Amino acid sequence: MTIYDIARKAGVAGSTVSRVLNGQPGISEETRKRVLAIAESEGFELSENARSLKMRSSMLIGILVSDIRNQHYTEGAYVMVEEFQKKGYCSIIMNAGFDDQSKVNAVRMLSARRVDGAVFIGSSFSSDCIAKAVAAYMPRTPIVMENGTLSLDNVYTVAAADKAGLRSAVEYLASTGCRSFCYVNANDTPSNRLKREGVEEAISAFGLECEYVETDDSYEGGRRATEAILKEKKRDAIIYSMDILASGGVRAALDLDLSIPEDISIFGVDNSIYSQVSRPAISSVDTSLSAMSAECAKILESALSGGAPEKRRELPFSLVIRETTR
């Protein structure tokens, strides 16, 4: 069954059927009802591809993540997909990787699929190469950066209060008597640089001691780094840039027969499932992931509908105090 079959039965032109099925004006109510009744009786549905061509819209949203295995990213993507589906959009989630060329290729692929809009999750997309790729391949496509920034007219930002959150974590630990700190980071990203700045500001303000250590973004990375730190020197507290690192840190401290938080306090970031299922449960900086993802979807929907959403919004943080701190 095609629109031309419906047109013959309804005694109208094929273009009239197309206008009825696409909800366009200029059709009498009698003709509209007759065409819709025939279409319904025949079980006809206008294909999304055909609708897209006529509306000049693909009804597709692209979502880029650096590493789809990262639970923090996939939770955010899930929230967005749910929100976009409510508006009739289908989402394409792509693993863009961490190297520049891989991310540029991902932007090019989204452009080739004519997505109506896109969300880039994570500050690793805040780079000159991505800015150039967006300017070249998606200059008029609305894009929202979750915790990232690109200085382009068609790009919007929803950011976490990374710097303030980490500064507050140090302040809390200092208030419980901690004086000797270590900060463990994974991945050199704009977001993690802000986290470190927050730690450094509080350490300086309170006249505290802190060592800064780099590791890979995994449970084992956190465990190995913590084991090396604690074997070298006693620390009052260790702060980790991600909860998954902190969960490895908890394991290392317990394996060294340390009592948490009596011998050492541990603090993570993200308030993810890793902080909740760890034993003892890990205190963490909650960066409002679900709210941030929902806000990204809201801003993109506004831009797609011709609205004028704010270019940048920073969401508040909170400290979730659990069993790894006093």
C-alpha atoms as a PDB file:
ATOM      1  CA  MET A   1       0.000   0.000   0.000  1.00  0.00           C
ATOM      2  CA  THR A   2       1.425   3.394  -1.068  1.00  0.00           C
ATOM      3  CA  ILE A   3       0.148   6.938  -0.782  1.00  0.00           C
ATOM      4  CA  TYR A   4      -0.931   6.668  -4.425  1.00  0.00           C
ATOM      5  CA  ASP A   5      -3.139   3.662  -3.620  1.00  0.00           C
ATOM      6  CA  ILE A   6      -4.731   5.676  -0.818  1.00  0.00           C
ATOM      7  CA  ALA A   7      -5.138   8.629  -3.185  1.00  0.00           C
ATOM      8  CA  ARG A   8      -7.035   6.495  -5.740  1.00  0.00           C
ATOM      9  CA  LYS A   9      -9.397   5.165  -3.065  1.00  0.00           C
ATOM     10  CA  ALA A  10      -9.953   8.643  -1.632  1.00  0.00           C
ATOM     11  CA  GLY A  11     -10.329  10.284  -5.031  1.00  0.00           C
ATOM     12  CA  VAL A  12      -7.587  12.839  -4.369  1.00  0.00           C
ATOM     13  CA  ALA A  13      -4.041  13.557  -5.569  1.00  0.00           C
ATOM     14  CA  GLY A  14      -1.030  11.810  -4.067  1.00  0.00           C
ATOM     15  CA  SER A  15       0.294  15.165  -2.851  1.00  0.00           C
ATOM     16  CA  THR A  16      -2.916  15.675  -0.888  1.00  0.00           C
ATOM     17  CA  VAL A  17      -2.453  12.341   0.876  1.00  0.00           C
ATOM     18  CA  SER A  18       1.149  13.283   1.670  1.00  0.00           C
ATOM     19  CA  ARG A  19       0.043  16.602   3.193  1.00  0.00           C
ATOM     20  CA  VAL A  20      -2.599  14.875   5.318  1.00  0.00           C
ATOM     21  CA  LEU A  21      -0.202  12.236   6.625  1.00  0.00           C
ATOM     22  CA  ASN A  22       2.406  14.868   7.462  1.00  0.00           C
ATOM     23  CA  GLY A  23      -0.119  17.039   9.309  1.00  0.00           C
ATOM     24  CA  GLN A  24       0.208  19.982   6.928  1.00  0.00           C
ATOM     25  CA  PRO A  25      -2.478  22.690   6.641  1.00  0.00           C
ATOM     26  CA  GLY A  26      -4.647  23.621   3.662  1.00  0.00           C
ATOM     27  CA  ILE A  27      -6.751  20.424   3.551  1.00  0.00           C
ATOM     28  CA  SER A  28     -10.495  20.373   4.223  1.00  0.00           C
ATOM     29  CA  GLU A  29     -11.578  18.486   7.328  1.00  0.00           C
ATOM     30  CA  GLU A  30     -13.772  16.162   5.244  1.00  0.00           C
ATOM     31  CA  THR A  31     -10.853  15.192   2.961  1.00  0.00           C
ATOM     32  CA  ARG A  32      -8.499  14.792   5.942  1.00  0.00           C
ATOM     33  CA  LYS A  33     -10.884  12.412   7.719  1.00  0.00           C
ATOM     34  CA  ARG A  34     -11.487  10.384   4.543  1.00  0.00           C
ATOM     35  CA  VAL A  35      -7.752   9.949   3.828  1.00  0.00           C
ATOM     36  CA  LEU A  36      -6.924   9.065   7.448  1.00  0.00           C
ATOM     37  CA  ALA A  37      -9.760   6.534   7.616  1.00  0.00           C
ATOM     38  CA  ILE A  38      -8.515   4.767   4.467  1.00  0.00           C
ATOM     39  CA  ALA A  39      -4.893   4.832   5.695  1.00  0.00           C
ATOM     40  CA  GLU A  40      -5.936   3.373   9.052  1.00  0.00           C
ATOM     41  CA  SER A  41      -8.094   0.657   7.502  1.00  0.00           C
ATOM     42  CA  GLU A  42      -5.166  -0.377   5.282  1.00  0.00           C
ATOM     43  CA  GLY A  43      -2.671  -0.317   8.177  1.00  0.00           C
ATOM     44  CA  PHE A  44      -0.568   2.289   6.370  1.00  0.00           C
ATOM     45  CA  GLU A  45       2.310   4.076   8.157  1.00  0.00           C
ATOM     46  CA  LEU A  46       4.453   6.718   6.477  1.00  0.00           C
ATOM     47  CA  SER A  47       8.033   5.517   6.682  1.00  0.00           C
ATOM     48  CA  GLU A  48      10.318   7.585   8.889  1.00  0.00           C
ATOM     49  CA  ASN A  49      12.770   7.987   6.011  1.00  0.00           C
ATOM     50  CA  ALA A  50      10.078   9.439   3.798  1.00  0.00           C
ATOM     51  CA  ARG A  51       8.871  11.697   6.585  1.00  0.00           C
ATOM     52  CA  SER A  52      12.426  12.857   7.207  1.00  0.00           C
ATOM     53  CA  LEU A  53      12.972  13.792   3.583  1.00  0.00           C
ATOM     54  CA  LYS A  54       9.791  15.837   3.500  1.00  0.00           C
ATOM     55  CA  MET A  55      10.408  17.525   6.865  1.00  0.00           C
ATOM     56  CA  ARG A  56      14.156  17.964   6.199  1.00  0.00           C
ATOM     57  CA  SER A  57      14.705  16.270   9.549  1.00  0.00           C
ATOM     58  CA  SER A  58      16.291  12.913  10.288  1.00  0.00           C
ATOM     59  CA  MET A  59      14.745  12.651  13.776  1.00  0.00           C
ATOM     60  CA  LEU A  60      18.182  11.354  14.831  1.00  0.00           C
ATOM     61  CA  ILE A  61      20.300  12.558  17.755  1.00  0.00           C
ATOM     62  CA  GLY A  62      23.993  11.687  17.937  1.00  0.00           C
ATOM     63  CA  ILE A  63      25.579  10.951  21.320  1.00  0.00           C
ATOM     64  CA  LEU A  64      29.364  10.724  21.474  1.00  0.00           C
ATOM     65  CA  VAL A  65      31.278   9.193  24.395  1.00  0.00           C
ATOM     66  CA  SER A  66      35.016   8.610  24.657  1.00  0.00           C
ATOM     67  CA  ASP A  67      34.668   5.151  26.184  1.00  0.00           C
ATOM     68  CA  ILE A  68      31.291   3.431  26.139  1.00  0.00           C
ATOM     69  CA  ARG A  69      32.528   0.998  28.812  1.00  0.00           C
ATOM     70  CA  ASN A  70      32.638   3.843  31.327  1.00  0.00           C
ATOM     71  CA  GLN A  71      29.629   3.412  33.589  1.00  0.00           C
ATOM     72  CA  HIS A  72      29.497   7.151  34.285  1.00  0.00           C
ATOM     73  CA  TYR A  73      29.113   7.884  30.564  1.00  0.00           C
ATOM     74  CA  THR A  74      26.581   5.157  29.849  1.00  0.00           C
ATOM     75  CA  GLU A  75      24.334   6.271  32.708  1.00  0.00           C
ATOM     76  CA  GLY A  76      24.288   9.761  31.238  1.00  0.00           C
ATOM     77  CA  ALA A  77      23.604   8.445  27.742  1.00  0.00           C
ATOM     78  CA  TYR A  78      20.704   6.348  29.069  1.00  0.00           C
ATOM     79  CA  VAL A  79      19.034   9.404  30.612  1.00  0.00           C
ATOM     80  CA  MET A  80      19.364  11.312  27.339  1.00  0.00           C
ATOM     81  CA  VAL A  81      18.045   8.486  25.169  1.00  0.00           C
ATOM     82  CA  GLU A  82      14.961   8.250  27.392  1.00  0.00           C
ATOM     83  CA  GLU A  83      14.344  11.995  27.134  1.00  0.00           C
ATOM     84  CA  PHE A  84      14.843  12.122  23.367  1.00  0.00           C
ATOM     85  CA  GLN A  85      12.524   9.147  22.805  1.00  0.00           C
ATOM     86  CA  LYS A  86       9.720  11.070  24.492  1.00  0.00           C
ATOM     87  CA  LYS A  87      10.076  13.642  21.703  1.00  0.00           C
ATOM     88  CA  GLY A  88      10.129  11.025  18.939  1.00  0.00           C
ATOM     89  CA  TYR A  89      13.882  11.061  18.317  1.00  0.00           C
ATOM     90  CA  CYS A  90      16.070   8.010  17.760  1.00  0.00           C
ATOM     91  CA  SER A  91      19.560   8.195  19.286  1.00  0.00           C
ATOM     92  CA  ILE A  92      22.865   6.998  17.854  1.00  0.00           C
ATOM     93  CA  ILE A  93      25.462   6.322  20.566  1.00  0.00           C
ATOM     94  CA  MET A  94      29.043   6.189  19.289  1.00  0.00           C
ATOM     95  CA  ASN A  95      32.286   5.229  21.000  1.00  0.00           C
ATOM     96  CA  ALA A  96      34.614   8.030  19.851  1.00  0.00           C
ATOM     97  CA  GLY A  97      37.786   6.943  21.637  1.00  0.00           C
ATOM     98  CA  PHE A  98      40.397   9.241  23.163  1.00  0.00           C
ATOM     99  CA  ASP A  99      42.771  10.033  20.287  1.00  0.00           C
ATOM    100  CA  ASP A 100      42.077  13.134  18.210  1.00  0.00           C
ATOM    101  CA  GLN A 101      41.635  11.439  14.843  1.00  0.00           C
ATOM    102  CA  SER A 102      39.145   8.921  16.211  1.00  0.00           C
ATOM    103  CA  LYS A 103      37.016  11.691  17.699  1.00  0.00           C
ATOM    104  CA  VAL A 104      37.171  13.736  14.496  1.00  0.00           C
ATOM    105  CA  ASN A 105      36.036  10.682  12.532  1.00  0.00           C
ATOM    106  CA  ALA A 106      33.104  10.262  14.905  1.00  0.00           C
ATOM    107  CA  VAL A 107      32.011  13.867  14.277  1.00  0.00           C
ATOM    108  CA  ARG A 108      32.285  13.273  10.513  1.00  0.00           C
ATOM    109  CA  MET A 109      30.170  10.112  10.784  1.00  0.00           C
ATOM    110  CA  LEU A 110      27.422  11.929  12.686  1.00  0.00           C
ATOM    111  CA  SER A 111      27.386  14.588   9.986  1.00  0.00           C
ATOM    112  CA  ALA A 112      27.091  11.931   7.284  1.00  0.00           C
ATOM    113  CA  ARG A 113      24.021  10.519   9.039  1.00  0.00           C
ATOM    114  CA  ARG A 114      22.362  13.946   9.052  1.00  0.00           C
ATOM    115  CA  VAL A 115      21.652  14.002  12.769  1.00  0.00           C
ATOM    116  CA  ASP A 116      19.404  16.865  13.842  1.00  0.00           C
ATOM    117  CA  GLY A 117      21.505  17.504  16.951  1.00  0.00           C
ATOM    118  CA  ALA A 118      24.194  15.951  19.103  1.00  0.00           C
ATOM    119  CA  VAL A 119      25.502  15.632  22.643  1.00  0.00           C
ATOM    120  CA  PHE A 120      29.187  15.125  23.388  1.00  0.00           C
ATOM    121  CA  ILE A 121      29.644  13.531  26.822  1.00  0.00           C
ATOM    122  CA  GLY A 122      32.812  14.399  28.699  1.00  0.00           C
ATOM    123  CA  SER A 123      35.390  17.163  28.737  1.00  0.00           C
ATOM    124  CA  SER A 124      37.756  15.169  26.495  1.00  0.00           C
ATOM    125  CA  PHE A 125      35.809  16.677  23.554  1.00  0.00           C
ATOM    126  CA  SER A 126      36.941  20.173  24.596  1.00  0.00           C
ATOM    127  CA  SER A 127      39.795  20.455  22.124  1.00  0.00           C
ATOM    128  CA  ASP A 128      40.875  22.453  19.076  1.00  0.00           C
ATOM    129  CA  CYS A 129      40.584  19.435  16.776  1.00  0.00           C
ATOM    130  CA  ILE A 130      36.946  18.856  17.756  1.00  0.00           C
ATOM    131  CA  ALA A 131      36.170  22.569  17.380  1.00  0.00           C
ATOM    132  CA  LYS A 132      37.597  22.482  13.856  1.00  0.00           C
ATOM    133  CA  ALA A 133      35.713  19.273  13.018  1.00  0.00           C
ATOM    134  CA  VAL A 134      32.404  20.696  14.229  1.00  0.00           C
ATOM    135  CA  ALA A 135      33.014  23.936  12.291  1.00  0.00           C
ATOM    136  CA  ALA A 136      33.777  21.918   9.155  1.00  0.00           C
ATOM    137  CA  TYR A 137      31.164  19.155   9.299  1.00  0.00           C
ATOM    138  CA  MET A 138      28.362  20.330  11.638  1.00  0.00           C
ATOM    139  CA  PRO A 139      28.454  24.157  11.588  1.00  0.00           C
ATOM    140  CA  ARG A 140      24.682  24.589  11.891  1.00  0.00           C
ATOM    141  CA  THR A 141      23.847  21.498  13.945  1.00  0.00           C
ATOM    142  CA  PRO A 142      22.928  22.248  17.575  1.00  0.00           C
ATOM    143  CA  ILE A 143      25.400  20.491  19.894  1.00  0.00           C
ATOM    144  CA  VAL A 144      25.394  20.269  23.684  1.00  0.00           C
ATOM    145  CA  MET A 145      28.587  19.504  25.582  1.00  0.00           C
ATOM    146  CA  GLU A 146      28.122  17.615  28.841  1.00  0.00           C
ATOM    147  CA  ASN A 147      30.896  18.981  31.060  1.00  0.00           C
ATOM    148  CA  GLY A 148      32.821  20.308  28.079  1.00  0.00           C
ATOM    149  CA  THR A 149      33.166  23.560  26.145  1.00  0.00           C
ATOM    150  CA  LEU A 150      33.662  24.622  22.531  1.00  0.00           C
ATOM    151  CA  SER A 151      33.615  28.319  21.594  1.00  0.00           C
ATOM    152  CA  LEU A 152      31.203  27.990  18.666  1.00  0.00           C
ATOM    153  CA  ASP A 153      27.817  29.622  18.085  1.00  0.00           C
ATOM    154  CA  ASN A 154      25.996  26.293  17.711  1.00  0.00           C
ATOM    155  CA  VAL A 155      27.481  24.681  20.842  1.00  0.00           C
ATOM    156  CA  TYR A 156      25.990  24.793  24.346  1.00  0.00           C
ATOM    157  CA  THR A 157      27.453  23.621  27.665  1.00  0.00           C
ATOM    158  CA  VAL A 158      26.080  21.937  30.764  1.00  0.00           C
ATOM    159  CA  ALA A 159      28.901  21.710  33.281  1.00  0.00           C
ATOM    160  CA  ALA A 160      29.601  20.099  36.631  1.00  0.00           C
ATOM    161  CA  ALA A 161      31.014  22.162  39.476  1.00  0.00           C
ATOM    162  CA  ASP A 162      34.225  20.117  39.445  1.00  0.00           C
ATOM    163  CA  LYS A 163      36.506  22.729  40.962  1.00  0.00           C
ATOM    164  CA  ALA A 164      34.140  23.762  43.743  1.00  0.00           C
ATOM    165  CA  GLY A 165      33.240  20.143  44.512  1.00  0.00           C
ATOM    166  CA  LEU A 166      36.826  19.020  45.018  1.00  0.00           C
ATOM    167  CA  ARG A 167      37.673  22.119  47.026  1.00  0.00           C
ATOM    168  CA  SER A 168      34.758  21.324  49.319  1.00  0.00           C
ATOM    169  CA  ALA A 169      35.892  17.688  49.705  1.00  0.00           C
ATOM    170  CA  VAL A 170      39.311  18.826  50.934  1.00  0.00           C
ATOM    171  CA  GLU A 171      37.687  21.312  53.294  1.00  0.00           C
ATOM    172  CA  TYR A 172      35.472  18.585  54.741  1.00  0.00           C
ATOM    173  CA  LEU A 173      38.391  16.203  55.257  1.00  0.00           C
ATOM    174  CA  ALA A 174      40.431  18.979  56.881  1.00  0.00           C
ATOM    175  CA  SER A 175      37.539  19.636  59.264  1.00  0.00           C
ATOM    176  CA  THR A 176      37.795  15.989  60.430  1.00  0.00           C
ATOM    177  CA  GLY A 177      41.483  16.404  61.269  1.00  0.00           C
ATOM    178  CA  CYS A 178      43.176  15.274  58.039  1.00  0.00           C
ATOM    179  CA  ARG A 179      46.427  17.100  57.298  1.00  0.00           C
ATOM    180  CA  SER A 180      48.466  14.868  54.964  1.00  0.00           C
ATOM    181  CA  PHE A 181      46.740  14.319  51.606  1.00  0.00           C
ATOM    182  CA  CYS A 182      47.235  12.559  48.291  1.00  0.00           C
ATOM    183  CA  TYR A 183      45.231  13.227  45.134  1.00  0.00           C
ATOM    184  CA  VAL A 184      45.022  10.395  42.578  1.00  0.00           C
ATOM    185  CA  ASN A 185      43.990  11.320  39.033  1.00  0.00           C
ATOM    186  CA  ALA A 186      43.269   9.354  35.841  1.00  0.00           C
ATOM    187  CA  ASN A 187      43.260  10.975  32.372  1.00  0.00           C
ATOM    188  CA  ASP A 188      44.390  14.515  31.589  1.00  0.00           C
ATOM    189  CA  THR A 189      41.083  16.178  30.697  1.00  0.00           C
ATOM    190  CA  PRO A 190      39.780  19.729  31.243  1.00  0.00           C
ATOM    191  CA  SER A 191      37.371  18.372  33.872  1.00  0.00           C
ATOM    192  CA  ASN A 192      40.133  16.629  35.799  1.00  0.00           C
ATOM    193  CA  ARG A 193      42.329  19.717  35.606  1.00  0.00           C
ATOM    194  CA  LEU A 194      39.547  21.688  37.286  1.00  0.00           C
ATOM    195  CA  LYS A 195      39.279  19.012  39.960  1.00  0.00           C
ATOM    196  CA  ARG A 196      42.981  19.290  40.676  1.00  0.00           C
ATOM    197  CA  GLU A 197      42.736  23.094  40.819  1.00  0.00           C
ATOM    198  CA  GLY A 198      40.009  22.738  43.440  1.00  0.00           C
ATOM    199  CA  VAL A 199      42.216  20.425  45.504  1.00  0.00           C
ATOM    200  CA  GLU A 200      45.221  22.732  45.154  1.00  0.00           C
ATOM    201  CA  GLU A 201      43.240  25.804  46.222  1.00  0.00           C
ATOM    202  CA  ALA A 202      41.972  24.159  49.405  1.00  0.00           C
ATOM    203  CA  ILE A 203      45.343  22.589  50.217  1.00  0.00           C
ATOM    204  CA  SER A 204      46.987  26.008  49.922  1.00  0.00           C
ATOM    205  CA  ALA A 205      44.268  27.824  51.879  1.00  0.00           C
ATOM    206  CA  PHE A 206      44.517  25.399  54.805  1.00  0.00           C
ATOM    207  CA  GLY A 207      48.301  25.052  54.708  1.00  0.00           C
ATOM    208  CA  LEU A 208      48.073  21.303  54.166  1.00  0.00           C
ATOM    209  CA  GLU A 209      50.396  18.757  52.551  1.00  0.00           C
ATOM    210  CA  CYS A 210      49.429  16.948  49.336  1.00  0.00           C
ATOM    211  CA  GLU A 211      51.075  14.625  46.821  1.00  0.00           C
ATOM    212  CA  TYR A 212      49.666  14.314  43.285  1.00  0.00           C
ATOM    213  CA  VAL A 213      49.690  10.914  41.555  1.00  0.00           C
ATOM    214  CA  GLU A 214      48.618   9.824  38.054  1.00  0.00           C
ATOM    215  CA  THR A 215      47.229   6.364  37.234  1.00  0.00           C
ATOM    216  CA  ASP A 216      44.960   4.679  34.667  1.00  0.00           C
ATOM    217  CA  ASP A 217      41.180   4.906  34.942  1.00  0.00           C
ATOM    218  CA  SER A 218      40.365   1.506  36.391  1.00  0.00           C
ATOM    219  CA  TYR A 219      39.857  -0.345  39.648  1.00  0.00           C
ATOM    220  CA  GLU A 220      43.332  -1.846  39.282  1.00  0.00           C
ATOM    221  CA  GLY A 221      44.795   1.579  38.570  1.00  0.00           C
ATOM    222  CA  GLY A 222      43.382   2.884  41.838  1.00  0.00           C
ATOM    223  CA  ARG A 223      44.524  -0.169  43.771  1.00  0.00           C
ATOM    224  CA  ARG A 224      48.091  -0.097  42.448  1.00  0.00           C
ATOM    225  CA  ALA A 225      48.505   3.640  42.976  1.00  0.00           C
ATOM    226  CA  THR A 226      47.164   3.452  46.523  1.00  0.00           C
ATOM    227  CA  GLU A 227      49.370   0.519  47.435  1.00  0.00           C
ATOM    228  CA  ALA A 228      52.461   2.445  46.278  1.00  0.00           C
ATOM    229  CA  ILE A 229      51.378   5.613  48.095  1.00  0.00           C
ATOM    230  CA  LEU A 230      50.726   3.937  51.436  1.00  0.00           C
ATOM    231  CA  LYS A 231      53.859   1.815  51.357  1.00  0.00           C
ATOM    232  CA  GLU A 232      55.936   4.965  50.864  1.00  0.00           C
ATOM    233  CA  LYS A 233      54.382   7.221  53.530  1.00  0.00           C
ATOM    234  CA  LYS A 234      51.420   7.397  55.880  1.00  0.00           C
ATOM    235  CA  ARG A 235      48.603   9.611  54.636  1.00  0.00           C
ATOM    236  CA  ASP A 236      45.545  10.931  56.465  1.00  0.00           C
ATOM    237  CA  ALA A 237      43.383  11.063  53.334  1.00  0.00           C
ATOM    238  CA  ILE A 238      43.381  10.156  49.651  1.00  0.00           C
ATOM    239  CA  ILE A 239      41.047  11.816  47.165  1.00  0.00           C
ATOM    240  CA  TYR A 240      40.428  10.175  43.773  1.00  0.00           C
ATOM    241  CA  SER A 241      39.211  11.817  40.565  1.00  0.00           C
ATOM    242  CA  MET A 242      36.772   8.915  39.980  1.00  0.00           C
ATOM    243  CA  ASP A 243      34.861   6.529  42.245  1.00  0.00           C
ATOM    244  CA  ILE A 244      36.209   3.478  40.436  1.00  0.00           C
ATOM    245  CA  LEU A 245      39.738   4.531  41.441  1.00  0.00           C
ATOM    246  CA  ALA A 246      38.579   5.027  45.017  1.00  0.00           C
ATOM    247  CA  SER A 247      37.095   1.521  45.103  1.00  0.00           C
ATOM    248  CA  GLY A 248      40.513   0.140  44.163  1.00  0.00           C
ATOM    249  CA  GLY A 249      42.025   2.356  46.849  1.00  0.00           C
ATOM    250  CA  VAL A 250      39.740   0.883  49.488  1.00  0.00           C
ATOM    251  CA  ARG A 251      40.863  -2.613  48.532  1.00  0.00           C
ATOM    252  CA  ALA A 252      44.546  -1.632  48.741  1.00  0.00           C
ATOM    253  CA  ALA A 253      44.149  -0.002  52.158  1.00  0.00           C
ATOM    254  CA  LEU A 254      42.337  -3.028  53.567  1.00  0.00           C
ATOM    255  CA  ASP A 255      44.958  -5.383  52.116  1.00  0.00           C
ATOM    256  CA  LEU A 256      47.582  -3.374  54.024  1.00  0.00           C
ATOM    257  CA  ASP A 257      45.582  -3.933  57.231  1.00  0.00           C
ATOM    258  CA  LEU A 258      44.608  -0.289  57.553  1.00  0.00           C
ATOM    259  CA  SER A 259      41.335   0.674  59.173  1.00  0.00           C
ATOM    260  CA  ILE A 260      39.053   2.977  57.184  1.00  0.00           C
ATOM    261  CA  PRO A 261      38.443   5.781  58.175  1.00  0.00           C
ATOM    262  CA  GLU A 262      40.398   5.524  61.451  1.00  0.00           C
ATOM    263  CA  ASP A 263      43.800   5.112  59.758  1.00  0.00           C
ATOM    264  CA  ILE A 264      42.960   6.747  56.429  1.00  0.00           C
ATOM    265  CA  SER A 265      40.007   8.582  54.877  1.00  0.00           C
ATOM    266  CA  ILE A 266      39.018   7.986  51.239  1.00  0.00           C
ATOM    267  CA  PHE A 267      36.965  10.279  48.983  1.00  0.00           C
ATOM    268  CA  GLY A 268      35.768   9.694  45.407  1.00  0.00           C
ATOM    269  CA  VAL A 269      34.003  11.701  42.711  1.00  0.00           C
ATOM    270  CA  ASP A 270      30.750  11.016  40.788  1.00  0.00           C
ATOM    271  CA  ASN A 271      28.634   9.324  43.504  1.00  0.00           C
ATOM    272  CA  SER A 272      28.427   6.348  41.154  1.00  0.00           C
ATOM    273  CA  ILE A 273      27.413   2.766  41.858  1.00  0.00           C
ATOM    274  CA  TYR A 274      31.065   2.000  42.666  1.00  0.00           C
ATOM    275  CA  SER A 275      30.920   4.251  45.717  1.00  0.00           C
ATOM    276  CA  GLN A 276      27.676   2.691  46.890  1.00  0.00           C
ATOM    277  CA  VAL A 277      28.547  -1.020  46.577  1.00  0.00           C
ATOM    278  CA  SER A 278      32.063  -0.714  48.014  1.00  0.00           C
ATOM    279  CA  ARG A 279      32.578  -2.005  51.559  1.00  0.00           C
ATOM    280  CA  PRO A 280      33.060   0.289  53.333  1.00  0.00           C
ATOM    281  CA  ALA A 281      30.856   2.570  51.225  1.00  0.00           C
ATOM    282  CA  ILE A 282      32.814   5.488  49.763  1.00  0.00           C
ATOM    283  CA  SER A 283      32.200   9.178  50.454  1.00  0.00           C
ATOM    284  CA  SER A 284      31.918  10.971  47.119  1.00  0.00           C
ATOM    285  CA  VAL A 285      31.373  14.305  45.392  1.00  0.00           C
ATOM    286  CA  ASP A 286      28.011  14.060  43.617  1.00  0.00           C
ATOM    287  CA  THR A 287      28.319  16.007  40.353  1.00  0.00           C
ATOM    288  CA  SER A 288      24.596  15.696  39.503  1.00  0.00           C
ATOM    289  CA  LEU A 289      25.068  13.304  36.579  1.00  0.00           C
ATOM    290  CA  SER A 290      21.386  12.491  36.007  1.00  0.00           C
ATOM    291  CA  ALA A 291      20.361  16.121  36.294  1.00  0.00           C
ATOM    292  CA  MET A 292      23.189  17.164  33.974  1.00  0.00           C
ATOM    293  CA  SER A 293      22.174  14.621  31.330  1.00  0.00           C
ATOM    294  CA  ALA A 294      18.510  15.592  31.543  1.00  0.00           C
ATOM    295  CA  GLU A 295      19.501  19.263  31.228  1.00  0.00           C
ATOM    296  CA  CYS A 296      21.570  18.466  28.113  1.00  0.00           C
ATOM    297  CA  ALA A 297      18.502  16.887  26.512  1.00  0.00           C
ATOM    298  CA  LYS A 298      16.321  19.843  27.512  1.00  0.00           C
ATOM    299  CA  ILE A 299      18.729  22.413  26.055  1.00  0.00           C
ATOM    300  CA  LEU A 300      19.150  20.481  22.804  1.00  0.00           C
ATOM    301  CA  GLU A 301      15.388  20.099  22.400  1.00  0.00           C
ATOM    302  CA  SER A 302      14.992  23.847  22.930  1.00  0.00           C
ATOM    303  CA  ALA A 303      17.626  24.634  20.301  1.00  0.00           C
ATOM    304  CA  LEU A 304      16.025  22.208  17.826  1.00  0.00           C
ATOM    305  CA  SER A 305      12.617  23.815  18.280  1.00  0.00           C
ATOM    306  CA  GLY A 306      13.960  27.293  17.553  1.00  0.00           C
ATOM    307  CA  GLY A 307      14.390  28.405  21.144  1.00  0.00           C
ATOM    308  CA  ALA A 308      17.281  30.404  22.595  1.00  0.00           C
ATOM    309  CA  PRO A 309      18.688  28.306  25.466  1.00  0.00           C
ATOM    310  CA  GLU A 310      21.480  29.726  27.630  1.00  0.00           C
ATOM    311  CA  LYS A 311      24.934  28.991  26.266  1.00  0.00           C
ATOM    312  CA  ARG A 312      26.362  27.655  29.523  1.00  0.00           C
ATOM    313  CA  ARG A 313      24.870  26.263  32.698  1.00  0.00           C
ATOM    314  CA  GLU A 314      26.768  24.903  35.698  1.00  0.00           C
ATOM    315  CA  LEU A 315      24.894  22.543  38.005  1.00  0.00           C
ATOM    316  CA  PRO A 316      25.464  22.377  41.765  1.00  0.00           C
ATOM    317  CA  PHE A 317      27.378  19.615  43.547  1.00  0.00           C
ATOM    318  CA  SER A 318      26.870  17.932  46.903  1.00  0.00           C
ATOM    319  CA  LEU A 319      29.052  15.881  49.226  1.00  0.00           C
ATOM    320  CA  VAL A 320      27.731  12.407  49.999  1.00  0.00           C
ATOM    321  CA  ILE A 321      29.349  11.312  53.256  1.00  0.00           C
ATOM    322  CA  ARG A 322      29.569   7.567  53.786  1.00  0.00           C
ATOM    323  CA  GLU A 323      31.759   5.112  55.696  1.00  0.00           C
ATOM    324  CA  THR A 324      35.215   5.984  54.347  1.00  0.00           C
ATOM    325  CA  THR A 325      35.387   9.364  56.100  1.00  0.00           C
ATOM    326  CA  ARG A 326      35.048  10.467  59.694  1.00  0.00           C
END
